[in-house]
Amino acid sequence: MTPLKRQYSRFKVDSNCKMFTQGRLDFSAYCRDISTGGAGIVTNVNLPENSSVRLLLNIPWKEEMVEAFGKVAWCNKLTDKYYRLGIRFSLPVQS
């Protein structure tokens, strides 16, 4: 089996962020990693694949919050309360 190759390099972030979805104003989340094409998010909200999201990301090496738009590529249950989401950005983000 051939290993999957990422299109973009990922960077560890480990910081809080805000998520916005249709039908729910906003909720807190935790950004584990980010790349130009997407982000790894942990949250207590189970979102279906292809859900549209808006993120406000606190990236340590940026002075201001970074706004990103995307869709849930996948969602896996981590524990009874938390989910790990893969977000695919609609437009590349300059991390």
Protein backbone atom coordinates (compact mmCIF):
# COMPACT_ATOMS: atom_id res chain seq x y z
CA MET A 1 0.00 0.00 0.00
CA THR A 2 1.40 3.39 -0.99
CA PRO A 3 1.54 6.02 1.80
CA LEU A 4 -0.72 9.04 1.32
CA LYS A 5 1.13 12.20 0.43
CA ARG A 6 -0.16 15.53 1.64
CA GLN A 7 -0.49 18.28 -0.92
CA TYR A 8 0.62 20.90 1.65
CA SER A 9 3.05 20.81 4.58
CA ARG A 10 1.37 20.89 8.00
CA PHE A 11 2.45 23.05 10.92
CA LYS A 12 1.67 22.33 14.57
CA VAL A 13 -0.40 25.18 16.05
CA ASP A 14 -2.06 23.95 19.28
CA SER A 15 -4.23 27.01 19.92
CA ASN A 16 -7.84 27.91 20.54
CA CYS A 17 -10.02 29.06 17.66
CA LYS A 18 -13.62 29.98 16.89
CA MET A 19 -15.83 28.04 14.48
CA PHE A 20 -18.97 29.30 12.79
CA THR A 21 -21.51 27.17 10.93
CA GLN A 22 -24.89 27.67 9.36
CA GLY A 23 -27.58 27.10 11.94
CA ARG A 24 -25.25 27.60 14.91
CA LEU A 25 -23.72 30.97 15.58
CA ASP A 26 -20.32 29.99 16.92
CA PHE A 27 -18.52 27.63 19.22
CA SER A 28 -15.06 27.14 20.61
CA ALA A 29 -12.63 24.71 19.06
CA TYR A 30 -8.96 23.80 19.24
CA CYS A 31 -6.67 23.92 16.21
CA ARG A 32 -4.02 21.18 16.32
CA ASP A 33 -2.34 21.83 12.98
CA ILE A 34 -2.71 23.91 9.85
CA SER A 35 -1.52 23.97 6.26
CA THR A 36 -2.23 26.15 3.26
CA GLY A 37 -5.03 23.74 2.30
CA GLY A 38 -6.68 22.84 5.60
CA ALA A 39 -6.62 22.43 9.37
CA GLY A 40 -6.98 19.73 12.01
CA ILE A 41 -9.59 20.79 14.58
CA VAL A 42 -10.81 19.28 17.87
CA THR A 43 -14.26 20.28 19.13
CA ASN A 44 -17.21 18.96 21.10
CA VAL A 45 -19.54 19.41 18.09
CA ASN A 46 -20.12 16.53 15.67
CA LEU A 47 -20.31 18.08 12.19
CA PRO A 48 -21.30 16.10 9.10
CA GLU A 49 -18.96 15.87 6.12
CA ASN A 50 -19.28 18.77 3.63
CA SER A 51 -20.62 21.14 6.31
CA SER A 52 -19.53 24.70 5.49
CA VAL A 53 -17.50 26.38 8.22
CA ARG A 54 -15.81 29.69 8.92
CA LEU A 55 -12.81 29.68 11.25
CA LEU A 56 -11.07 32.42 13.17
CA LEU A 57 -7.63 30.99 13.86
CA ASN A 58 -5.10 32.21 16.39
CA ILE A 59 -1.81 31.28 14.73
CA PRO A 60 1.19 31.92 17.01
CA TRP A 61 3.43 33.37 14.29
CA LYS A 62 0.74 35.80 13.01
CA GLU A 63 -0.06 39.09 14.75
CA GLU A 64 -3.76 39.02 13.84
CA MET A 65 -6.40 36.30 13.76
CA VAL A 66 -6.62 34.48 10.42
CA GLU A 67 -10.06 34.01 8.88
CA ALA A 68 -10.60 30.89 6.79
CA PHE A 69 -13.57 29.32 5.01
CA GLY A 70 -13.89 25.64 4.23
CA LYS A 71 -15.79 22.38 4.48
CA VAL A 72 -15.56 19.42 6.82
CA ALA A 73 -13.61 16.74 4.93
CA TRP A 74 -14.01 14.14 7.71
CA CYS A 75 -15.08 13.88 11.36
CA ASN A 76 -13.90 11.17 13.78
CA LYS A 77 -15.02 10.63 17.36
CA LEU A 78 -12.09 10.97 19.81
CA THR A 79 -13.90 10.46 23.13
CA ASP A 80 -17.46 10.57 24.45
CA LYS A 81 -17.32 14.38 24.27
CA TYR A 82 -14.83 15.32 21.54
CA TYR A 83 -14.42 14.98 17.78
CA ARG A 84 -11.45 15.47 15.46
CA LEU A 85 -12.29 17.24 12.20
CA GLY A 86 -10.35 17.70 9.02
CA ILE A 87 -11.24 21.03 7.42
CA ARG A 88 -10.46 21.58 3.74
CA PHE A 89 -10.14 25.30 3.01
CA SER A 90 -12.18 26.69 0.09
CA LEU A 91 -9.28 29.00 -0.76
CA PRO A 92 -5.65 28.44 0.24
CA VAL A 93 -4.65 30.22 3.45
CA GLN A 94 -1.20 31.68 3.80
CA SER A 95 -0.12 30.11 7.09
